[in-house]
Amino acid sequence: MAITLNQLASFLAVAREGSVSVAAQRLHVTQPSISAAVSALSAEVGVELTERAGRGIALTPAGEAFRPFATDVLGLLEQGKQSAREAADRSRRRLRIIAVATAGEFLVPRLLREFSALHPEIELRLEVANRATLFERLLAHDADVGIAGRPPADERIEGRPFLKNELVLIASPDDPLATKRTVKLEQVAARTWLQREEGSGTRELSNELLAARDLDPPRMTLGSNGAIKQAVQLGLGVSLQSRLAVEQELAAGVLAEIHVSGLPARAWYALQPAAVAPREPAAEFLAFLQSR
């Protein structure tokens, strides 16, 4: 007996939901059919892929090892279907982009405007997510191209830098350090550092920068770039941001820049799954980014 797509879909639904009953609801099938499919898959693989965990279901170590391959198979099949449809009818071409919040709010809309003018026939979709979710979506082949501050340490995702990403430390307009030509990071270590939520790439950069200097300032977590900019403007603290996200506020004088020496140089990256060549619309978008 060969592994079936139904078995893979059932297994991934159980892995995602941690419950046979919820997985059955998501796939609109019965619980016995989900259980039978997962059991048959375990038998075909030769090891148990799931186990009881309290009232739910968890993956065994073998199931965790098998999961990314199952995800790849189903994701690549969907990509193949879409590629075939696009080859048969170019009006059905689409491009799914996922971007971290800063890029999704301040960079990608500009890129989409330019790209759409060149390729008006391609349907464009943009999803904004944090860095961790972006990687998950790419690995599941639920997005064609990701835009983030840097690629992960995962060889299953490859990245190409295409634009400089300058970092800036922002403060309230009346902050005395904003009048200095340059300051050392240690001079700002007593301030409260305002950061995005867990999974944010800017948060990771901020924490890495501070850890490299052995600094541990007070921190406050806020849920969006807009909330951080408002809090900084009100004097609640400072924040490390992409200049792209704050250039308008800096120009208007509602935020100020603290010129910190030694801030790292960064770039924006276009990311894609490394396991397969990109579909034609994605390849055209990647070429567009590199040519700008």
Protein backbone atom coordinates (compact mmCIF):
# COMPACT_ATOMS: atom_id res chain seq x y z
CA MET A 1 0.00 0.00 0.00
CA ALA A 2 1.37 3.46 -0.91
CA ILE A 3 1.15 6.63 1.15
CA THR A 4 -1.88 8.67 0.07
CA LEU A 5 -2.49 12.40 0.02
CA ASN A 6 -5.45 11.88 2.36
CA GLN A 7 -3.14 10.25 4.90
CA LEU A 8 -0.68 13.15 4.71
CA ALA A 9 -3.44 15.76 5.01
CA SER A 10 -4.96 13.96 8.00
CA PHE A 11 -1.58 13.62 9.70
CA LEU A 12 -0.75 17.30 9.23
CA ALA A 13 -4.18 18.37 10.46
CA VAL A 14 -3.72 16.32 13.64
CA ALA A 15 -0.20 17.69 14.07
CA ARG A 16 -1.47 21.24 13.67
CA GLU A 17 -4.58 20.96 15.86
CA GLY A 18 -3.38 18.45 18.48
CA SER A 19 -6.77 16.80 18.32
CA VAL A 20 -8.46 14.22 16.10
CA SER A 21 -11.88 15.80 16.56
CA VAL A 22 -10.71 19.31 15.65
CA ALA A 23 -8.71 17.93 12.69
CA ALA A 24 -11.87 16.16 11.48
CA GLN A 25 -13.83 19.42 11.70
CA ARG A 26 -11.18 21.30 9.77
CA LEU A 27 -11.14 18.71 6.96
CA HIS A 28 -14.94 18.16 7.06
CA VAL A 29 -14.63 14.41 7.59
CA THR A 30 -15.41 12.01 10.42
CA GLN A 31 -13.12 11.33 13.37
CA PRO A 32 -12.81 7.60 12.53
CA SER A 33 -11.58 8.47 9.03
CA ILE A 34 -8.88 10.76 10.47
CA SER A 35 -7.78 8.09 12.96
CA ALA A 36 -7.73 5.41 10.26
CA ALA A 37 -5.69 7.59 7.91
CA VAL A 38 -3.08 8.43 10.55
CA SER A 39 -2.84 4.80 11.66
CA ALA A 40 -2.40 3.65 8.06
CA LEU A 41 0.31 6.26 7.52
CA SER A 42 2.19 5.10 10.62
CA ALA A 43 1.96 1.53 9.37
CA GLU A 44 3.29 2.53 5.96
CA VAL A 45 6.19 4.52 7.45
CA GLY A 46 6.92 1.69 9.88
CA VAL A 47 6.88 3.68 13.14
CA GLU A 48 4.28 5.40 15.29
CA LEU A 49 3.94 9.04 14.26
CA THR A 50 1.49 10.17 16.96
CA GLU A 51 0.83 9.46 20.62
CA ARG A 52 -1.62 10.39 23.33
CA ALA A 53 -0.83 13.59 25.24
CA GLY A 54 -3.40 14.14 27.96
CA ARG A 55 -6.72 14.64 26.20
CA GLY A 56 -5.06 15.43 22.90
CA ILE A 57 -2.65 13.99 20.35
CA ALA A 58 1.02 14.89 19.98
CA LEU A 59 3.66 13.86 17.49
CA THR A 60 6.28 11.33 18.47
CA PRO A 61 9.92 12.17 17.70
CA ALA A 62 9.43 10.14 14.53
CA GLY A 63 6.35 12.19 13.68
CA GLU A 64 8.23 15.43 14.20
CA ALA A 65 10.96 14.18 11.86
CA PHE A 66 8.40 13.17 9.24
CA ARG A 67 6.28 16.33 9.42
CA PRO A 68 8.38 18.69 7.23
CA PHE A 69 8.53 16.09 4.45
CA ALA A 70 4.75 15.66 4.53
CA THR A 71 4.36 19.43 4.42
CA ASP A 72 6.70 19.62 1.44
CA VAL A 73 4.81 16.96 -0.51
CA LEU A 74 1.40 18.62 -0.13
CA GLY A 75 2.78 22.11 -0.60
CA LEU A 76 4.72 21.23 -3.73
CA LEU A 77 1.70 19.45 -5.19
CA GLU A 78 -0.40 22.60 -4.76
CA GLN A 79 2.40 24.62 -6.34
CA GLY A 80 2.47 22.18 -9.23
CA LYS A 81 -1.28 22.48 -9.75
CA GLN A 82 -1.06 26.26 -9.78
CA SER A 83 1.88 26.23 -12.16
CA ALA A 84 -0.06 23.98 -14.57
CA ARG A 85 -3.11 26.27 -14.42
CA GLU A 86 -0.94 29.30 -15.13
CA ALA A 87 0.71 27.59 -18.08
CA ALA A 88 -2.70 26.76 -19.54
CA ASP A 89 -4.20 30.21 -18.85
CA ARG A 90 -1.90 33.16 -18.15
CA SER A 91 -4.82 35.16 -16.78
CA ARG A 92 -4.70 32.86 -13.73
CA ARG A 93 -1.16 33.81 -12.75
CA ARG A 94 -0.79 34.86 -9.13
CA LEU A 95 1.97 35.81 -6.71
CA ARG A 96 1.67 35.35 -2.95
CA ILE A 97 4.05 37.53 -0.95
CA ILE A 98 4.50 37.44 2.81
CA ALA A 99 6.41 40.20 4.57
CA VAL A 100 7.44 41.12 8.09
CA ALA A 101 5.48 44.05 9.51
CA THR A 102 7.93 46.84 8.73
CA ALA A 103 8.43 45.69 5.13
CA GLY A 104 4.74 44.96 4.68
CA GLU A 105 3.74 48.43 5.84
CA PHE A 106 6.45 50.64 4.37
CA LEU A 107 8.34 48.81 1.60
CA VAL A 108 6.33 46.14 -0.20
CA PRO A 109 3.36 48.34 -1.24
CA ARG A 110 5.79 50.53 -3.20
CA LEU A 111 7.32 47.45 -4.81
CA LEU A 112 3.92 46.04 -5.72
CA ARG A 113 2.92 49.29 -7.39
CA GLU A 114 6.02 49.19 -9.60
CA PHE A 115 5.77 45.46 -10.30
CA SER A 116 2.05 45.64 -11.07
CA ALA A 117 2.71 48.32 -13.67
CA LEU A 118 5.09 45.90 -15.41
CA HIS A 119 2.88 42.82 -14.98
CA PRO A 120 -0.77 43.90 -14.66
CA GLU A 121 -1.93 40.38 -15.49
CA ILE A 122 -0.50 38.88 -12.27
CA GLU A 123 -2.83 38.75 -9.28
CA LEU A 124 -0.89 40.00 -6.24
CA ARG A 125 -1.56 38.94 -2.66
CA LEU A 126 0.27 40.32 0.37
CA GLU A 127 0.24 38.85 3.87
CA VAL A 128 1.92 40.61 6.80
CA ALA A 129 3.25 38.44 9.63
CA ASN A 130 6.05 38.27 12.14
CA ARG A 131 9.36 36.67 11.24
CA ALA A 132 8.60 33.25 12.74
CA THR A 133 5.26 32.93 10.94
CA LEU A 134 6.84 34.08 7.68
CA PHE A 135 9.32 31.21 7.76
CA GLU A 136 6.56 28.71 8.57
CA ARG A 137 4.45 29.90 5.64
CA LEU A 138 7.37 29.66 3.23
CA LEU A 139 8.29 26.16 4.36
CA ALA A 140 4.67 25.06 3.98
CA HIS A 141 4.66 26.55 0.44
CA ASP A 142 1.76 28.79 1.47
CA ALA A 143 3.66 31.80 0.09
CA ASP A 144 5.87 32.24 -2.96
CA VAL A 145 8.23 34.99 -1.76
CA GLY A 146 9.01 36.37 1.67
CA ILE A 147 10.43 39.81 2.46
CA ALA A 148 12.37 40.07 5.72
CA GLY A 149 15.41 41.67 7.28
CA ARG A 150 17.58 38.58 6.96
CA PRO A 151 17.26 34.88 6.10
CA PRO A 152 16.98 32.25 8.84
CA ALA A 153 19.69 29.80 9.79
CA ASP A 154 17.81 27.13 7.86
CA GLU A 155 19.13 25.81 4.55
CA ARG A 156 15.56 25.03 3.44
CA ILE A 157 15.05 28.77 2.86
CA GLU A 158 17.36 30.79 0.63
CA GLY A 159 17.63 34.57 0.65
CA ARG A 160 18.83 37.25 -1.74
CA PRO A 161 19.60 40.78 -0.49
CA PHE A 162 18.08 43.45 -2.71
CA LEU A 163 17.94 46.72 -0.76
CA LYS A 164 19.81 48.44 2.06
CA ASN A 165 17.97 48.39 5.41
CA GLU A 166 19.38 51.21 7.51
CA LEU A 167 18.69 51.03 11.24
CA VAL A 168 18.05 54.08 13.39
CA LEU A 169 17.49 54.61 17.12
CA ILE A 170 14.49 56.89 17.56
CA ALA A 171 13.62 59.09 20.54
CA SER A 172 11.22 61.87 21.46
CA PRO A 173 11.89 65.24 19.81
CA ASP A 174 13.10 66.79 23.09
CA ASP A 175 15.55 64.01 23.96
CA PRO A 176 18.89 65.68 24.83
CA LEU A 177 20.93 62.87 23.21
CA ALA A 178 19.30 63.66 19.85
CA THR A 179 21.32 66.88 19.71
CA LYS A 180 24.65 65.02 19.92
CA ARG A 181 26.61 64.26 16.76
CA THR A 182 27.19 60.67 17.90
CA VAL A 183 26.73 58.75 21.14
CA LYS A 184 27.81 55.33 22.34
CA LEU A 185 25.23 52.63 22.88
CA GLU A 186 26.16 52.53 26.56
CA GLN A 187 24.83 56.09 26.91
CA VAL A 188 21.35 54.89 25.98
CA ALA A 189 21.42 51.73 28.11
CA ALA A 190 19.52 53.33 30.99
CA ARG A 191 16.54 54.23 28.78
CA THR A 192 13.55 51.95 28.34
CA TRP A 193 13.80 50.13 25.00
CA LEU A 194 10.47 49.74 23.25
CA GLN A 195 10.18 46.53 21.23
CA ARG A 196 7.78 44.52 19.13
CA GLU A 197 6.36 41.16 20.19
CA GLU A 198 8.21 37.82 20.28
CA GLY A 199 8.98 36.64 16.76
CA SER A 200 9.69 40.13 15.45
CA GLY A 201 12.91 40.46 13.47
CA THR A 202 13.54 44.01 14.72
CA ARG A 203 13.17 42.79 18.29
CA GLU A 204 15.74 40.06 17.64
CA LEU A 205 18.17 42.59 16.16
CA SER A 206 17.69 44.92 19.09
CA ASN A 207 18.31 42.20 21.66
CA GLU A 208 21.35 40.88 19.79
CA LEU A 209 22.85 44.36 19.61
CA LEU A 210 22.39 44.91 23.34
CA ALA A 211 23.67 41.43 24.25
CA ALA A 212 26.81 41.96 22.15
CA ARG A 213 27.63 44.99 24.34
CA ASP A 214 26.59 43.14 27.54
CA LEU A 215 23.78 45.66 28.11
CA ASP A 216 20.42 44.90 29.69
CA PRO A 217 18.22 48.03 29.69
CA PRO A 218 14.56 48.08 30.80
CA ARG A 219 12.28 46.85 28.01
CA MET A 220 8.64 47.37 27.08
CA THR A 221 6.78 45.29 24.50
CA LEU A 222 4.25 46.93 22.18
CA GLY A 223 2.26 45.21 19.46
CA SER A 224 2.82 47.37 16.39
CA ASN A 225 5.15 49.86 14.74
CA GLY A 226 2.51 52.55 15.16
CA ALA A 227 2.20 51.94 18.90
CA ILE A 228 5.98 52.08 19.30
CA LYS A 229 6.26 55.36 17.41
CA GLN A 230 3.50 56.93 19.50
CA ALA A 231 5.12 55.73 22.73
CA VAL A 232 8.53 57.06 21.69
CA GLN A 233 6.99 60.39 20.72
CA LEU A 234 5.46 60.61 24.23
CA GLY A 235 8.86 59.99 25.84
CA LEU A 236 8.27 56.47 27.11
CA GLY A 237 11.60 55.25 25.75
CA VAL A 238 13.72 54.68 22.67
CA SER A 239 13.44 52.09 19.91
CA LEU A 240 15.61 50.58 17.19
CA GLN A 241 13.72 50.78 13.91
CA SER A 242 14.27 50.56 10.18
CA ARG A 243 14.70 54.08 8.83
CA LEU A 244 12.09 53.13 6.25
CA ALA A 245 9.47 52.90 9.00
CA VAL A 246 10.16 56.29 10.58
CA GLU A 247 11.45 58.52 7.77
CA GLN A 248 8.23 60.56 7.57
CA GLU A 249 8.10 61.19 11.33
CA LEU A 250 11.78 62.15 11.41
CA ALA A 251 11.27 64.57 8.53
CA ALA A 252 8.24 66.09 10.28
CA GLY A 253 10.11 66.47 13.56
CA VAL A 254 7.67 64.41 15.63
CA LEU A 255 10.46 61.89 16.26
CA ALA A 256 14.18 62.46 16.67
CA GLU A 257 17.19 60.30 15.86
CA ILE A 258 19.92 59.42 18.34
CA HIS A 259 23.04 58.93 16.25
CA VAL A 260 24.55 55.80 17.80
CA SER A 261 27.99 54.78 16.61
CA GLY A 262 28.51 51.23 15.41
CA LEU A 263 24.97 50.27 14.44
CA PRO A 264 25.16 47.20 12.18
CA ALA A 265 24.51 47.42 8.43
CA ARG A 266 21.53 45.39 7.28
CA ALA A 267 19.69 44.59 4.07
CA TRP A 268 16.20 43.57 3.01
CA TYR A 269 16.08 40.00 1.70
CA ALA A 270 13.79 38.22 -0.72
CA LEU A 271 13.26 34.71 0.64
CA GLN A 272 11.97 31.56 -1.01
CA PRO A 273 11.88 27.81 -0.37
CA ALA A 274 15.13 26.25 -1.54
CA ALA A 275 13.61 22.87 -2.42
CA VAL A 276 12.10 23.89 -5.75
CA ALA A 277 12.58 26.48 -8.45
CA PRO A 278 10.12 29.38 -8.14
CA ARG A 279 7.04 29.49 -10.32
CA GLU A 280 7.21 31.95 -13.21
CA PRO A 281 5.46 34.89 -11.44
CA ALA A 282 7.75 34.49 -8.42
CA ALA A 283 10.82 34.28 -10.65
CA GLU A 284 9.75 37.47 -12.41
CA PHE A 285 9.27 39.26 -9.08
CA LEU A 286 12.67 38.12 -7.80
CA ALA A 287 14.31 39.34 -11.01
CA PHE A 288 12.47 42.65 -10.61
CA LEU A 289 13.83 43.10 -7.09
CA GLN A 290 17.39 42.39 -8.20
CA SER A 291 17.15 44.83 -11.12
CA ARG A 292 15.87 47.85 -9.20
